[in-house]
Amino acid sequence: MKFSEKDEFYMKRALALAKRAQGHTSPNPMVGAVLVKRGRVIAEDYHRKVGTPHAEALVIEKAGKRARGASLYVSLEPCCHTKKRTPPCTEGIIKAGIKRVVVSMVDPNPQVSGKGINRLKEAGIEVQWGLLEEKAKRLNEAYVKYITTGRPFVTLKVAMSLDGKIALPTGESKWITSEASRKMVHRMRAASDAILTGIGTVKADDPLLTARIKGAKSPIRIVIDPELDISPDARVLETPPQTILVTKVKNHNRIKRLYDRGVEFLFFDGELDFGWLMEELGRREITSVMVEAGSTLPSFMLKAGVVDKVVFFIAPIIIGGRDSYPAIGGPACERLSKAFSLKKLMIRRVGPDIMVEGYLR
């Protein structure tokens, strides 16, 4: 489909509006909408959180009678089903008399996918889709993964030295990367539903794992602790936010005491199946997980095939030492051909550091 430069301009605006809700709409997608008439923006808005009006409804309400004959630019296909807390946007668009709708990406939700577009076309509205589609998919990558698989989108974050070390042999790791990188990590946390770590990291660093940004929500904290070794004084147990312990221990007097403090549990037997864990998190409507851990847990998760994206912050320092902790521990690949490779690679500066981001093939 052909689009004009103005079409692209307005869709970029819709995507920028959608991004404002990052970290607040889960398990819903982020959606922005711009209503244009005679070359002028007459209304724009975005979906803020679950249960509140969708972006399309907000701009139609703002525009009122002026919406008749206007063009609507929306970052995601308008919904058409009634199995949700808000009315279907397609009917509001038709009732408002909007003449043209430009959609960035088709909604992967089977209840909507293509049906919203077809409903608008049946009503005589001109509909085009696919404008800046890749940007829209990237913005809502967690929603796309969750709605199509029932599992959360998993991002592995690593902060390391130029030679791939995350800590000295003593365990010292604060701070390898810069304050600029740490600020970005807090923004990443705020955009995630949950942070996942291992008991080793909790013992070594006693982290809070919160998003220390004004106005941001802190994610759920998930700790892999098979033998329930966590200290009752660990800061990660402070609530809110919510904390979930993943453990094999089921009959311990500490379980009830931790329950009483608001801690939740996921119990497993034998070896931890990360596929099972992702299914369980999906059932809790956790759509995105950020992994912040030491060397061992990331290696197991990569091997299990549950990691979707990696973000490496690389500091311009060299630590050295055979006994320093590597970024990814565990056994090495049998052959280079079996190494984990990345696609859609992006590299940029963050303060003095380099950030490398890519998706697992």
Protein backbone atom coordinates (compact mmCIF):
# COMPACT_ATOMS: atom_id res chain seq x y z
CA MET A 1 0.00 0.00 0.00
CA LYS A 2 1.19 3.50 -0.80
CA PHE A 3 1.47 6.12 1.91
CA SER A 4 2.36 9.80 1.75
CA GLU A 5 4.96 11.67 3.78
CA LYS A 6 2.11 13.21 5.77
CA ASP A 7 0.75 9.75 6.52
CA GLU A 8 4.15 8.76 7.89
CA PHE A 9 4.37 11.96 9.93
CA TYR A 10 1.03 11.37 11.63
CA MET A 11 1.76 7.69 12.27
CA LYS A 12 5.09 8.55 13.87
CA ARG A 13 3.11 10.83 16.16
CA ALA A 14 0.69 8.02 17.01
CA LEU A 15 3.58 5.69 17.86
CA ALA A 16 5.25 8.35 20.01
CA LEU A 17 1.99 8.83 21.91
CA ALA A 18 1.64 5.08 22.41
CA LYS A 19 5.13 4.86 23.90
CA ARG A 20 4.13 7.27 26.68
CA ALA A 21 2.19 4.43 28.28
CA GLN A 22 5.20 2.09 28.41
CA GLY A 23 5.00 -0.04 31.53
CA HIS A 24 1.38 0.87 32.31
CA THR A 25 -0.92 -0.98 29.88
CA SER A 26 0.02 -4.64 30.36
CA PRO A 27 -1.49 -7.07 29.47
CA ASN A 28 -2.99 -4.64 26.94
CA PRO A 29 -0.89 -3.22 24.09
CA MET A 30 0.34 0.36 23.87
CA VAL A 31 -1.77 2.28 21.36
CA GLY A 32 -1.70 5.87 20.15
CA ALA A 33 -4.18 7.62 17.86
CA VAL A 34 -4.19 10.88 15.88
CA LEU A 35 -7.29 12.35 14.25
CA VAL A 36 -6.63 14.63 11.25
CA LYS A 37 -9.00 16.83 9.24
CA ARG A 38 -8.11 19.19 6.38
CA GLY A 39 -4.42 18.79 7.13
CA ARG A 40 -4.72 19.64 10.81
CA VAL A 41 -4.57 17.47 13.94
CA ILE A 42 -7.92 17.87 15.67
CA ALA A 43 -7.33 15.33 18.45
CA GLU A 44 -4.65 12.93 19.68
CA ASP A 45 -4.33 10.61 22.66
CA TYR A 46 -3.17 7.18 23.85
CA HIS A 47 -4.41 4.22 25.89
CA ARG A 48 -3.20 4.71 29.44
CA LYS A 49 -3.94 1.50 31.34
CA VAL A 50 -6.17 -1.56 31.48
CA GLY A 51 -9.84 -0.75 31.94
CA THR A 52 -9.58 2.83 30.67
CA PRO A 53 -10.80 4.03 27.25
CA HIS A 54 -8.80 3.04 24.20
CA ALA A 55 -6.90 5.64 22.19
CA GLU A 56 -9.50 5.68 19.39
CA ALA A 57 -12.34 6.35 21.82
CA LEU A 58 -10.41 9.15 23.48
CA VAL A 59 -9.69 11.06 20.25
CA ILE A 60 -13.28 10.62 19.03
CA GLU A 61 -14.58 12.02 22.30
CA LYS A 62 -12.15 14.95 22.13
CA ALA A 63 -13.07 15.78 18.54
CA GLY A 64 -16.83 15.43 18.95
CA LYS A 65 -18.72 16.38 15.77
CA ARG A 66 -15.47 17.44 14.10
CA ALA A 67 -14.56 13.74 13.74
CA ARG A 68 -17.02 13.35 10.84
CA GLY A 69 -15.06 13.13 7.59
CA ALA A 70 -11.68 12.99 9.37
CA SER A 71 -8.80 10.54 8.95
CA LEU A 72 -7.71 8.41 11.91
CA TYR A 73 -4.12 7.24 12.34
CA VAL A 74 -3.80 4.45 14.90
CA SER A 75 -0.78 2.34 15.82
CA LEU A 76 -2.78 -0.91 16.22
CA GLU A 77 -5.82 -2.32 14.46
CA PRO A 78 -9.01 -1.09 16.21
CA CYS A 79 -10.69 -3.76 18.31
CA CYS A 80 -14.02 -5.23 17.27
CA HIS A 81 -14.86 -7.77 19.99
CA THR A 82 -16.88 -7.34 23.17
CA LYS A 83 -14.99 -9.74 25.47
CA LYS A 84 -13.26 -6.89 27.32
CA ARG A 85 -13.89 -4.00 29.68
CA THR A 86 -14.37 -1.31 27.03
CA PRO A 87 -16.70 -1.08 23.97
CA PRO A 88 -15.37 -2.12 20.53
CA CYS A 89 -13.54 0.79 18.90
CA THR A 90 -14.72 -0.12 15.39
CA GLU A 91 -18.31 0.80 16.26
CA GLY A 92 -17.23 4.14 17.71
CA ILE A 93 -15.24 4.92 14.54
CA ILE A 94 -18.22 4.07 12.31
CA LYS A 95 -20.66 6.06 14.43
CA ALA A 96 -18.35 9.10 14.43
CA GLY A 97 -18.38 9.22 10.63
CA ILE A 98 -14.62 8.90 10.17
CA LYS A 99 -13.90 8.42 6.46
CA ARG A 100 -10.36 6.97 6.48
CA VAL A 101 -8.38 4.83 8.91
CA VAL A 102 -4.64 4.21 8.63
CA VAL A 103 -3.38 1.33 10.78
CA SER A 104 0.27 0.60 11.56
CA MET A 105 -0.02 -3.09 12.49
CA VAL A 106 -2.73 -5.73 12.47
CA ASP A 107 -3.63 -6.92 15.97
CA PRO A 108 -2.23 -10.45 16.50
CA ASN A 109 -5.03 -11.19 18.98
CA PRO A 110 -7.11 -13.94 17.27
CA GLN A 111 -10.29 -12.19 18.47
CA VAL A 112 -9.35 -9.13 16.41
CA SER A 113 -6.74 -10.04 13.79
CA GLY A 114 -8.07 -8.61 10.52
CA LYS A 115 -11.64 -8.57 11.80
CA GLY A 116 -11.45 -4.95 12.94
CA ILE A 117 -10.19 -3.85 9.52
CA ASN A 118 -12.89 -5.87 7.76
CA ARG A 119 -15.62 -4.39 9.94
CA LEU A 120 -14.52 -0.86 9.03
CA LYS A 121 -14.31 -1.71 5.31
CA GLU A 122 -17.79 -3.24 5.41
CA ALA A 123 -19.04 0.08 6.78
CA GLY A 124 -17.61 1.90 3.75
CA ILE A 125 -14.55 3.34 5.46
CA GLU A 126 -11.28 3.50 3.53
CA VAL A 127 -8.71 1.43 5.47
CA GLN A 128 -4.97 1.10 4.89
CA TRP A 129 -2.49 -0.81 7.04
CA GLY A 130 1.20 -1.64 7.30
CA LEU A 131 2.58 1.90 7.72
CA LEU A 132 5.69 1.77 9.98
CA GLU A 133 4.64 -1.76 10.88
CA GLU A 134 8.07 -2.88 12.14
CA LYS A 135 8.25 0.07 14.55
CA ALA A 136 4.79 -0.76 15.87
CA LYS A 137 5.68 -4.44 16.33
CA ARG A 138 8.87 -3.53 18.17
CA LEU A 139 6.98 -1.18 20.47
CA ASN A 140 4.52 -3.94 21.37
CA GLU A 141 6.88 -6.91 21.12
CA ALA A 142 5.90 -8.15 24.59
CA TYR A 143 2.19 -7.98 23.75
CA VAL A 144 2.73 -9.80 20.44
CA LYS A 145 4.65 -12.65 22.14
CA TYR A 146 2.16 -12.94 25.00
CA ILE A 147 -1.03 -12.81 22.93
CA THR A 148 0.24 -15.39 20.42
CA THR A 149 1.96 -17.85 22.81
CA GLY A 150 0.61 -17.18 26.29
CA ARG A 151 4.21 -16.64 27.45
CA PRO A 152 6.03 -13.46 28.44
CA PHE A 153 8.64 -11.76 26.27
CA VAL A 154 12.03 -12.31 27.96
CA THR A 155 14.89 -9.80 27.84
CA LEU A 156 18.30 -10.72 29.22
CA LYS A 157 20.22 -7.70 30.49
CA VAL A 158 23.95 -7.91 31.17
CA ALA A 159 26.39 -5.26 32.43
CA MET A 160 29.98 -6.25 31.73
CA SER A 161 33.54 -5.11 31.08
CA LEU A 162 35.13 -4.97 27.64
CA ASP A 163 36.57 -8.45 28.23
CA GLY A 164 33.22 -9.94 29.20
CA LYS A 165 33.47 -9.94 32.99
CA ILE A 166 30.59 -9.09 35.34
CA ALA A 167 32.44 -9.27 38.68
CA LEU A 168 35.85 -9.70 40.28
CA PRO A 169 36.76 -13.06 41.85
CA THR A 170 35.69 -11.53 45.17
CA GLY A 171 32.22 -10.89 43.76
CA GLU A 172 32.66 -7.11 43.59
CA SER A 173 30.61 -5.70 40.71
CA LYS A 174 29.48 -2.20 41.74
CA TRP A 175 29.79 -0.46 39.47
CA ILE A 176 31.12 -1.85 36.22
CA THR A 177 28.96 0.31 33.97
CA SER A 178 28.21 4.03 34.17
CA GLU A 179 25.43 5.97 35.84
CA ALA A 180 23.93 6.63 32.39
CA SER A 181 23.63 2.88 31.79
CA ARG A 182 22.15 2.32 35.24
CA LYS A 183 19.51 4.97 34.57
CA MET A 184 18.58 3.19 31.35
CA VAL A 185 18.30 -0.10 33.25
CA HIS A 186 15.81 1.54 35.63
CA ARG A 187 13.76 2.63 32.61
CA MET A 188 13.90 -0.93 31.31
CA ARG A 189 12.67 -2.20 34.68
CA ALA A 190 9.81 0.28 34.66
CA ALA A 191 8.76 -0.99 31.24
CA SER A 192 8.79 -4.65 32.38
CA ASP A 193 6.10 -6.57 34.21
CA ALA A 194 8.66 -8.59 36.16
CA ILE A 195 12.36 -8.86 37.01
CA LEU A 196 13.79 -12.36 37.32
CA THR A 197 16.97 -13.18 39.23
CA GLY A 198 18.63 -16.04 41.09
CA ILE A 199 19.29 -16.60 44.77
CA GLY A 200 23.03 -16.17 44.16
CA THR A 201 22.53 -12.57 43.07
CA VAL A 202 20.24 -11.91 46.03
CA LYS A 203 22.85 -13.26 48.45
CA ALA A 204 25.75 -11.42 46.83
CA ASP A 205 24.18 -8.00 46.19
CA ASP A 206 20.98 -7.85 48.30
CA PRO A 207 19.27 -5.84 45.51
CA LEU A 208 15.90 -4.12 45.68
CA LEU A 209 15.22 -4.66 41.96
CA THR A 210 12.88 -1.69 41.79
CA ALA A 211 12.53 1.04 39.16
CA ARG A 212 13.83 4.16 40.83
CA ILE A 213 12.24 6.64 38.45
CA LYS A 214 9.71 9.25 39.54
CA GLY A 215 6.19 8.21 38.60
CA ALA A 216 7.23 4.76 37.35
CA LYS A 217 5.85 1.47 38.61
CA SER A 218 8.21 -1.15 39.95
CA PRO A 219 8.01 -4.64 38.43
CA ILE A 220 7.13 -7.89 40.16
CA ARG A 221 10.30 -9.54 41.47
CA ILE A 222 10.84 -13.23 40.79
CA VAL A 223 13.64 -15.09 42.57
CA ILE A 224 14.75 -18.60 41.58
CA ASP A 225 15.52 -20.12 45.00
CA PRO A 226 15.30 -23.94 44.79
CA GLU A 227 16.28 -24.65 48.42
CA LEU A 228 14.63 -21.57 49.97
CA ASP A 229 17.97 -20.14 51.06
CA ILE A 230 16.81 -16.53 51.00
CA SER A 231 17.41 -14.46 54.13
CA PRO A 232 14.23 -13.19 55.79
CA ASP A 233 15.93 -9.77 55.83
CA ALA A 234 16.61 -9.71 52.07
CA ARG A 235 15.52 -6.39 50.59
CA VAL A 236 13.88 -8.16 47.65
CA LEU A 237 11.25 -9.44 50.11
CA GLU A 238 10.16 -5.91 51.01
CA THR A 239 6.68 -5.27 49.58
CA PRO A 240 5.38 -3.57 47.58
CA PRO A 241 6.23 -4.45 44.84
CA GLN A 242 5.16 -8.09 44.77
CA THR A 243 7.76 -10.83 45.15
CA ILE A 244 7.46 -14.42 43.87
CA LEU A 245 9.84 -17.15 45.05
CA VAL A 246 10.33 -20.14 42.75
CA THR A 247 11.33 -23.06 44.98
CA LYS A 248 11.25 -26.82 45.53
CA VAL A 249 10.70 -26.42 49.28
CA LYS A 250 7.01 -26.88 50.14
CA ASN A 251 6.87 -27.91 53.78
CA HIS A 252 8.89 -25.39 55.71
CA ASN A 253 7.70 -23.23 58.58
CA ARG A 254 9.20 -20.22 56.79
CA ILE A 255 6.70 -20.61 53.94
CA LYS A 256 3.77 -19.40 56.04
CA ARG A 257 5.76 -16.54 57.54
CA LEU A 258 6.71 -15.36 54.07
CA TYR A 259 3.12 -15.81 52.85
CA ASP A 260 2.01 -13.59 55.73
CA ARG A 261 4.45 -10.92 54.51
CA GLY A 262 2.86 -10.92 51.07
CA VAL A 263 5.40 -13.15 49.31
CA GLU A 264 4.00 -15.58 46.74
CA PHE A 265 5.38 -18.94 45.66
CA LEU A 266 5.72 -21.11 42.60
CA PHE A 267 6.66 -24.68 43.49
CA PHE A 268 8.46 -27.17 41.25
CA ASP A 269 9.94 -30.65 41.54
CA GLY A 270 13.29 -31.92 40.31
CA GLU A 271 15.05 -29.67 37.80
CA LEU A 272 13.45 -26.33 37.00
CA ASP A 273 11.73 -26.36 33.61
CA PHE A 274 11.96 -22.80 32.30
CA GLY A 275 9.28 -23.47 29.73
CA TRP A 276 6.93 -24.42 32.57
CA LEU A 277 7.94 -21.29 34.48
CA MET A 278 7.15 -19.05 31.51
CA GLU A 279 3.75 -20.73 31.15
CA GLU A 280 3.04 -20.08 34.83
CA LEU A 281 4.04 -16.42 34.54
CA GLY A 282 1.86 -16.07 31.45
CA ARG A 283 -1.12 -17.40 33.40
CA ARG A 284 -0.55 -14.53 35.82
CA GLU A 285 -0.77 -12.07 32.90
CA ILE A 286 2.93 -11.27 33.13
CA THR A 287 3.72 -10.27 29.55
CA SER A 288 7.36 -9.17 29.88
CA VAL A 289 10.26 -10.42 31.99
CA MET A 290 13.67 -8.81 32.37
CA VAL A 291 16.46 -11.11 33.57
CA GLU A 292 19.07 -9.55 35.87
CA ALA A 293 21.29 -12.23 37.32
CA GLY A 294 24.83 -13.56 37.60
CA SER A 295 26.59 -15.93 35.23
CA THR A 296 24.69 -19.17 35.74
CA LEU A 297 20.98 -18.38 35.42
CA PRO A 298 21.32 -16.64 32.00
CA SER A 299 23.18 -19.65 30.61
CA PHE A 300 20.38 -22.02 31.64
CA MET A 301 17.72 -19.71 30.22
CA LEU A 302 19.55 -19.33 26.92
CA LYS A 303 19.95 -23.09 26.67
CA ALA A 304 16.24 -23.55 27.45
CA GLY A 305 15.38 -21.25 24.54
CA VAL A 306 13.18 -18.88 26.55
CA VAL A 307 15.20 -15.68 25.96
CA ASP A 308 13.85 -13.45 23.18
CA LYS A 309 16.21 -10.47 23.36
CA VAL A 310 19.53 -9.54 24.93
CA VAL A 311 20.75 -6.11 26.00
CA PHE A 312 24.45 -5.91 26.88
CA PHE A 313 25.93 -2.78 28.45
CA ILE A 314 29.70 -2.87 27.85
CA ALA A 315 31.95 -0.62 29.92
CA PRO A 316 35.31 0.60 28.54
CA ILE A 317 37.28 -1.23 31.24
CA ILE A 318 39.29 -4.46 31.26
CA ILE A 319 39.06 -6.59 34.40
CA GLY A 320 41.01 -9.69 33.37
CA GLY A 321 41.63 -12.71 35.53
CA ARG A 322 40.73 -16.32 34.89
CA ASP A 323 38.68 -16.38 38.11
CA SER A 324 36.67 -13.24 37.38
CA TYR A 325 33.03 -13.98 36.67
CA PRO A 326 32.10 -14.24 32.97
CA ALA A 327 28.94 -12.64 31.61
CA ILE A 328 27.52 -16.03 30.62
CA GLY A 329 28.65 -19.03 32.67
CA GLY A 330 27.70 -22.66 32.39
CA PRO A 331 29.09 -25.03 29.78
CA ALA A 332 30.42 -23.65 26.51
CA CYS A 333 28.84 -24.43 23.15
CA GLU A 334 30.04 -27.69 21.62
CA ARG A 335 30.88 -25.92 18.35
CA LEU A 336 30.88 -22.35 17.12
CA SER A 337 28.05 -23.27 14.79
CA LYS A 338 25.97 -23.91 17.92
CA ALA A 339 26.67 -20.48 19.43
CA PHE A 340 23.67 -18.26 20.13
CA SER A 341 23.43 -15.76 17.29
CA LEU A 342 21.55 -12.47 17.14
CA LYS A 343 19.51 -10.69 14.52
CA LYS A 344 18.26 -7.10 14.19
CA LEU A 345 21.38 -5.94 15.98
CA MET A 346 21.53 -2.38 17.30
CA ILE A 347 24.56 -0.67 18.81
CA ARG A 348 24.66 2.74 20.47
CA ARG A 349 26.52 4.78 23.07
CA VAL A 350 25.12 5.22 26.57
CA GLY A 351 27.39 7.68 28.32
CA PRO A 352 30.89 6.13 28.13
CA ASP A 353 29.44 2.64 27.63
CA ILE A 354 28.30 0.74 24.55
CA MET A 355 24.88 -0.84 24.45
CA VAL A 356 24.40 -3.86 22.20
CA GLU A 357 20.84 -5.06 21.65
CA GLY A 358 19.65 -7.95 19.54
CA TYR A 359 17.11 -10.72 19.18
CA LEU A 360 17.83 -14.44 19.48
CA ARG A 361 17.46 -16.20 16.15
